[in-house]
């Protein structure tokens, strides 16, 4: 029987350096109509407070995702056979108007959800996750599994600016998009502004697993707890590339030493199978600071890992 689902270009037939650059070498389609999973770029970093460059992330992740093949070597999940997946392009953004950009991103993701597809996006800085959540959680709050070096629950920056890549999850909780008691943040580390910087997050009920705890307990035990926290209800997964140690992912806006290895990150995502993932993203890949494309390769790989876990939902 012919598989009617979209298939990536075969690297044994067309070399990886040739042809149109799309996520996973899948077809580029004009809309998410008929898709189970929509791969989408959000080329915007208007919330960045220091080193800008994540606006270039989607393009380079597309290029490096040509290294992905059809079947996951560990789980044996064949995502393109289980789910209909394609690249729906980049969302329309406004690089000089933050509030308009947030509105455009929300509307773009809402159009994907409206036709029944699950959005898997590549950012972009971490503020892009806020408008994505506004679309994903329009009708009910969702849980969150959050891989990051930073909690991103600060209140404001630079004279009261409430919308930066350090504030998205505080805004999301305030807006009722996230259930903080179904939130877990994994890999948090690095110096902080004040001794009580994370107090607000903890008071809301967020479970923060600092890097030191992760190192002590290991991936399996930590993800088992994360899955227990989010339970069987709808959950969003967000992966900030700076959760990975900068020795393996230097191309990011706010690097923090002492992070995950890429192997640990892969292992954790694989263990998420069974979670009701209603959307996911990989953010903060900043190619201007990258070396030999290694951060974009890591980003593309984490995107592939997430795609495989989401595609497992479509097993008949």
Protein backbone atom coordinates (compact mmCIF):
# COMPACT_ATOMS: atom_id res chain seq x y z
CA UNK A 1 0.00 0.00 0.00
CA UNK A 2 1.30 3.45 -0.92
CA UNK A 3 1.99 5.71 2.06
CA UNK A 4 -0.02 8.89 1.42
CA UNK A 5 1.78 10.81 4.15
CA UNK A 6 4.48 13.36 3.34
CA UNK A 7 7.96 11.87 3.17
CA UNK A 8 11.37 13.58 3.43
CA UNK A 9 13.75 13.73 0.49
CA UNK A 10 15.95 10.62 0.57
CA UNK A 11 19.58 11.57 1.19
CA UNK A 12 20.63 8.45 -0.71
CA UNK A 13 18.96 9.92 -3.79
CA UNK A 14 19.51 13.69 -3.39
CA UNK A 15 22.55 14.86 -1.37
CA UNK A 16 21.86 16.79 1.81
CA UNK A 17 23.51 19.94 0.51
CA UNK A 18 21.17 20.13 -2.49
CA UNK A 19 17.57 21.16 -2.88
CA UNK A 20 15.31 23.41 -0.85
CA UNK A 21 16.13 23.69 2.86
CA UNK A 22 13.08 22.59 4.86
CA UNK A 23 12.65 21.04 8.29
CA UNK A 24 13.70 17.37 8.03
CA UNK A 25 13.75 17.72 4.18
CA UNK A 26 9.96 17.47 4.19
CA UNK A 27 7.74 19.18 1.63
CA UNK A 28 7.04 22.88 2.12
CA UNK A 29 3.27 23.36 2.22
CA UNK A 30 1.17 26.56 2.34
CA UNK A 31 -0.96 25.58 5.33
CA UNK A 32 -1.36 22.96 8.05
CA UNK A 33 -4.53 21.61 6.47
CA UNK A 34 -4.42 17.79 6.53
CA UNK A 35 -1.34 17.63 8.77
CA UNK A 36 -0.99 15.88 12.11
CA UNK A 37 2.19 17.77 13.04
CA UNK A 38 3.11 21.16 11.57
CA UNK A 39 6.78 22.15 11.67
CA UNK A 40 6.97 25.95 11.76
CA UNK A 41 9.63 28.62 12.12
CA UNK A 42 9.34 31.71 14.30
CA UNK A 43 12.23 33.97 13.17
CA UNK A 44 11.92 36.62 15.87
CA UNK A 45 14.07 37.66 18.83
CA UNK A 46 12.51 40.95 19.86
CA UNK A 47 12.47 39.84 23.49
CA UNK A 48 16.24 39.33 23.72
CA UNK A 49 17.95 41.33 26.47
CA UNK A 50 21.60 40.78 25.51
CA UNK A 51 22.94 38.86 22.50
CA UNK A 52 20.41 38.95 19.65
CA UNK A 53 20.56 36.41 16.82
CA UNK A 54 17.90 33.78 17.50
CA UNK A 55 15.82 35.33 14.70
CA UNK A 56 18.16 33.43 12.39
CA UNK A 57 17.56 30.13 14.20
CA UNK A 58 14.80 28.60 12.06
CA UNK A 59 16.72 28.98 8.81
CA UNK A 60 19.86 27.31 10.15
CA UNK A 61 17.93 24.59 11.98
CA UNK A 62 16.26 23.78 8.66
CA UNK A 63 19.66 23.45 7.02
CA UNK A 64 21.13 21.23 9.72
CA UNK A 65 17.97 19.11 9.95
CA UNK A 66 18.98 17.60 6.61
CA UNK A 67 21.07 15.24 8.76
CA UNK A 68 17.93 13.60 10.18
CA UNK A 69 16.76 10.33 8.65
CA UNK A 70 13.41 8.51 8.64
CA UNK A 71 13.55 6.23 11.68
CA UNK A 72 14.61 6.81 15.29
CA UNK A 73 17.46 4.43 15.99
CA UNK A 74 16.47 3.71 19.62
CA UNK A 75 12.67 3.75 19.75
CA UNK A 76 12.32 2.59 16.11
CA UNK A 77 9.60 5.22 15.74
CA UNK A 78 9.13 6.09 12.05
CA UNK A 79 7.47 9.49 12.46
CA UNK A 80 6.72 10.10 8.78
CA UNK A 81 4.84 6.80 8.56
CA UNK A 82 2.83 7.38 11.74
CA UNK A 83 1.85 11.02 11.20
CA UNK A 84 1.41 13.41 8.33
CA UNK A 85 4.13 16.02 8.86
CA UNK A 86 5.34 18.94 6.74
CA UNK A 87 7.07 22.32 6.92
CA UNK A 88 4.48 25.11 6.89
CA UNK A 89 7.11 27.84 6.63
CA UNK A 90 7.78 30.79 8.91
CA UNK A 91 5.17 32.79 10.76
CA UNK A 92 4.79 36.43 9.77
CA UNK A 93 6.65 38.54 12.33
CA UNK A 94 7.33 42.22 12.90
CA UNK A 95 10.97 42.83 13.91
CA UNK A 96 10.35 46.42 15.04
CA UNK A 97 7.05 46.14 16.94
CA UNK A 98 7.05 43.69 19.85
CA UNK A 99 3.33 43.69 20.58
CA UNK A 100 2.40 43.31 16.93
CA UNK A 101 4.88 40.42 16.62
CA UNK A 102 3.29 38.64 19.60
CA UNK A 103 -0.15 39.04 18.00
CA UNK A 104 1.07 37.72 14.64
CA UNK A 105 2.69 34.68 16.24
CA UNK A 106 -0.44 33.86 18.23
CA UNK A 107 -2.63 34.13 15.12
CA UNK A 108 -0.24 31.99 13.08
CA UNK A 109 -0.20 29.19 15.64
CA UNK A 110 -3.97 29.47 16.11
CA UNK A 111 -4.42 28.83 12.38
CA UNK A 112 -2.41 25.61 12.72
CA UNK A 113 -4.42 24.42 15.71
CA UNK A 114 -7.72 25.34 14.02
CA UNK A 115 -7.17 22.64 11.37
CA UNK A 116 -6.24 20.00 13.93
CA UNK A 117 -2.44 19.97 13.65
CA UNK A 118 0.01 19.98 16.55
CA UNK A 119 2.54 22.84 16.25
CA UNK A 120 6.23 22.03 16.64
CA UNK A 121 8.10 25.30 16.26
CA UNK A 122 11.67 26.49 16.01
CA UNK A 123 12.42 29.92 17.45
CA UNK A 124 13.29 32.59 17.94
CA UNK A 125 13.94 33.67 21.51
CA UNK A 126 11.95 32.29 24.42
CA UNK A 127 9.38 35.07 24.40
CA UNK A 128 7.99 33.40 21.26
CA UNK A 129 6.60 30.66 23.52
CA UNK A 130 4.16 33.11 25.15
CA UNK A 131 2.06 33.82 22.05
CA UNK A 132 2.28 30.14 21.09
CA UNK A 133 0.78 29.29 24.48
CA UNK A 134 -1.92 31.93 23.96
CA UNK A 135 -3.04 29.91 20.96
CA UNK A 136 -2.49 26.44 22.40
CA UNK A 137 -4.21 27.23 25.72
CA UNK A 138 -7.12 29.37 24.51
CA UNK A 139 -9.71 26.99 25.91
CA UNK A 140 -7.95 25.53 28.96
CA UNK A 141 -4.64 25.90 30.79
CA UNK A 142 -1.98 23.35 29.95
CA UNK A 143 0.90 21.79 31.83
CA UNK A 144 4.51 22.57 30.96
CA UNK A 145 7.73 20.59 30.79
CA UNK A 146 10.45 23.20 30.46
CA UNK A 147 14.12 22.46 29.72
CA UNK A 148 16.23 25.57 30.35
CA UNK A 149 19.13 27.13 32.22
CA UNK A 150 16.78 29.94 33.31
CA UNK A 151 13.36 29.95 34.95
CA UNK A 152 12.10 32.84 32.76
CA UNK A 153 9.62 33.85 35.44
CA UNK A 154 11.00 37.32 36.19
CA UNK A 155 8.52 40.18 36.28
CA UNK A 156 10.11 42.94 34.21
CA UNK A 157 13.31 44.38 32.77
CA UNK A 158 14.58 47.85 31.88
CA UNK A 159 12.11 50.14 33.58
CA UNK A 160 9.09 47.88 33.76
CA UNK A 161 9.13 46.11 30.39
CA UNK A 162 7.04 43.00 31.02
CA UNK A 163 7.71 41.21 27.72
CA UNK A 164 11.21 39.81 27.34
CA UNK A 165 12.67 36.33 26.97
CA UNK A 166 13.13 36.32 30.74
CA UNK A 167 9.42 36.80 31.54
CA UNK A 168 7.24 34.53 29.31
CA UNK A 169 6.19 31.98 31.90
CA UNK A 170 5.25 34.58 34.50
CA UNK A 171 2.99 36.22 31.93
CA UNK A 172 1.60 32.83 30.87
CA UNK A 173 0.65 31.97 34.45
CA UNK A 174 -0.89 35.41 35.02
CA UNK A 175 -2.92 35.02 31.83
CA UNK A 176 -4.21 31.60 32.91
CA UNK A 177 -2.45 29.77 30.08
CA UNK A 178 -0.44 27.47 32.33
CA UNK A 179 -1.37 25.51 35.43
CA UNK A 180 1.66 26.21 37.64
CA UNK A 181 1.03 23.08 39.68
CA UNK A 182 1.51 21.10 36.47
CA UNK A 183 4.78 22.82 35.59
CA UNK A 184 8.31 21.51 35.92
CA UNK A 185 11.51 23.30 34.98
CA UNK A 186 14.60 21.14 34.47
CA UNK A 187 18.26 22.20 34.29
CA UNK A 188 18.00 25.62 35.95
CA UNK A 189 21.42 26.98 36.88
CA UNK A 190 23.76 29.97 36.78
CA UNK A 191 24.08 33.15 38.78
CA UNK A 192 20.88 35.02 39.61
CA UNK A 193 19.89 38.66 40.19
CA UNK A 194 18.68 38.24 43.78
CA UNK A 195 18.63 35.47 46.39
CA UNK A 196 14.83 35.24 46.09
CA UNK A 197 14.68 35.42 42.28
CA UNK A 198 12.81 32.12 42.01
CA UNK A 199 10.56 32.66 45.04
CA UNK A 200 7.56 33.77 42.97
CA UNK A 201 7.78 30.67 40.78
CA UNK A 202 7.99 28.36 43.77
CA UNK A 203 5.06 30.13 45.46
CA UNK A 204 2.92 29.45 42.38
CA UNK A 205 3.66 25.73 42.69
CA UNK A 206 6.25 25.34 39.93
CA UNK A 207 8.63 22.45 40.51
CA UNK A 208 12.16 23.68 39.78
CA UNK A 209 14.79 20.98 39.31
CA UNK A 210 18.16 22.67 39.42
CA UNK A 211 21.04 21.24 37.44
CA UNK A 212 22.72 19.95 40.57
CA UNK A 213 19.66 17.88 41.45
CA UNK A 214 19.44 16.55 37.91
CA UNK A 215 23.09 15.49 38.05
CA UNK A 216 22.51 13.70 41.35
CA UNK A 217 19.31 11.89 40.32
CA UNK A 218 19.74 11.25 36.60
CA UNK A 219 17.46 11.55 33.59
CA UNK A 220 15.17 8.58 34.21
CA UNK A 221 14.23 9.57 37.76
CA UNK A 222 13.80 13.25 36.90
CA UNK A 223 11.57 12.61 33.88
CA UNK A 224 9.50 10.10 35.85
CA UNK A 225 8.77 12.92 38.31
CA UNK A 226 8.06 15.37 35.49
CA UNK A 227 5.55 12.97 33.94
CA UNK A 228 3.86 12.52 37.30
CA UNK A 229 3.59 16.29 37.70
CA UNK A 230 1.93 16.93 34.32
CA UNK A 231 -0.15 13.76 34.48
CA UNK A 232 -2.41 12.72 31.61
CA UNK A 233 -3.77 16.19 30.80
CA UNK A 234 -2.62 18.34 27.83
CA UNK A 235 0.98 19.48 28.15
CA UNK A 236 3.33 21.77 26.25
CA UNK A 237 7.07 21.04 25.99
CA UNK A 238 9.57 23.85 25.54
CA UNK A 239 13.28 23.26 25.00
CA UNK A 240 15.68 26.17 25.35
CA UNK A 241 18.96 25.23 23.68
CA UNK A 242 20.87 26.95 26.50
CA UNK A 243 19.83 24.05 28.73
CA UNK A 244 22.67 22.24 26.93
CA UNK A 245 26.19 23.09 28.05
CA UNK A 246 27.79 25.78 25.85
CA UNK A 247 30.69 23.44 25.12
CA UNK A 248 28.17 21.55 22.98
CA UNK A 249 25.79 24.39 22.09
CA UNK A 250 27.65 27.72 22.10
CA UNK A 251 25.32 29.50 19.68
CA UNK A 252 22.79 30.98 22.06
CA UNK A 253 22.02 34.35 23.59
CA UNK A 254 22.61 33.57 27.27
CA UNK A 255 24.98 30.62 27.66
CA UNK A 256 25.44 29.06 31.10
CA UNK A 257 28.22 26.57 31.83
CA UNK A 258 27.44 23.30 33.57
CA UNK A 259 24.48 22.20 31.46
CA UNK A 260 23.17 18.98 29.96
CA UNK A 261 25.16 16.99 27.47
CA UNK A 262 23.37 16.52 24.19
CA UNK A 263 23.07 12.81 25.07
CA UNK A 264 21.30 13.62 28.34
CA UNK A 265 18.92 15.96 26.53
CA UNK A 266 18.08 13.30 23.97
CA UNK A 267 17.48 10.74 26.68
CA UNK A 268 15.07 13.01 28.54
CA UNK A 269 13.00 13.82 25.47
CA UNK A 270 12.74 10.14 24.54
CA UNK A 271 11.38 9.40 28.00
CA UNK A 272 8.48 11.82 27.39
CA UNK A 273 6.66 9.26 25.27
CA UNK A 274 3.14 8.87 26.66
CA UNK A 275 2.75 12.53 27.68
CA UNK A 276 -0.22 14.24 25.98
CA UNK A 277 1.89 16.80 24.11
CA UNK A 278 -0.28 19.42 22.42
CA UNK A 279 2.60 21.58 21.21
CA UNK A 280 6.35 21.95 21.54
CA UNK A 281 9.24 24.17 20.57
CA UNK A 282 13.01 24.50 20.40
CA UNK A 283 14.17 28.06 21.04
CA UNK A 284 17.20 30.34 21.45
CA UNK A 285 19.40 28.86 18.70
CA UNK A 286 21.46 31.91 17.64
CA UNK A 287 23.58 31.08 14.56
CA UNK A 288 25.73 34.28 14.72
CA UNK A 289 27.36 32.83 17.86
CA UNK A 290 27.57 29.24 16.64
CA UNK A 291 30.63 27.18 15.71
CA UNK A 292 30.47 24.89 12.66
CA UNK A 293 26.68 24.76 13.01
CA UNK A 294 26.94 22.58 16.13
CA UNK A 295 24.20 24.42 18.06
CA UNK A 296 21.84 24.29 15.09
CA UNK A 297 22.58 20.56 14.75
CA UNK A 298 21.68 20.15 18.43
CA UNK A 299 18.50 22.17 17.87
CA UNK A 300 17.51 20.13 14.83
CA UNK A 301 18.19 16.92 16.72
CA UNK A 302 16.03 17.94 19.69
CA UNK A 303 13.30 18.93 17.25
CA UNK A 304 13.53 15.47 15.65
CA UNK A 305 13.39 13.82 19.08
CA UNK A 306 10.27 15.83 19.97
CA UNK A 307 8.70 15.04 16.61
CA UNK A 308 9.19 11.32 17.19
CA UNK A 309 7.62 11.44 20.66
CA UNK A 310 4.64 13.42 19.34
CA UNK A 311 4.26 11.13 16.31
CA UNK A 312 4.00 8.14 18.67
CA UNK A 313 0.56 9.51 19.64
CA UNK A 314 -0.67 8.58 16.17
CA UNK A 315 0.06 4.87 16.44
CA UNK A 316 -3.10 2.99 15.42
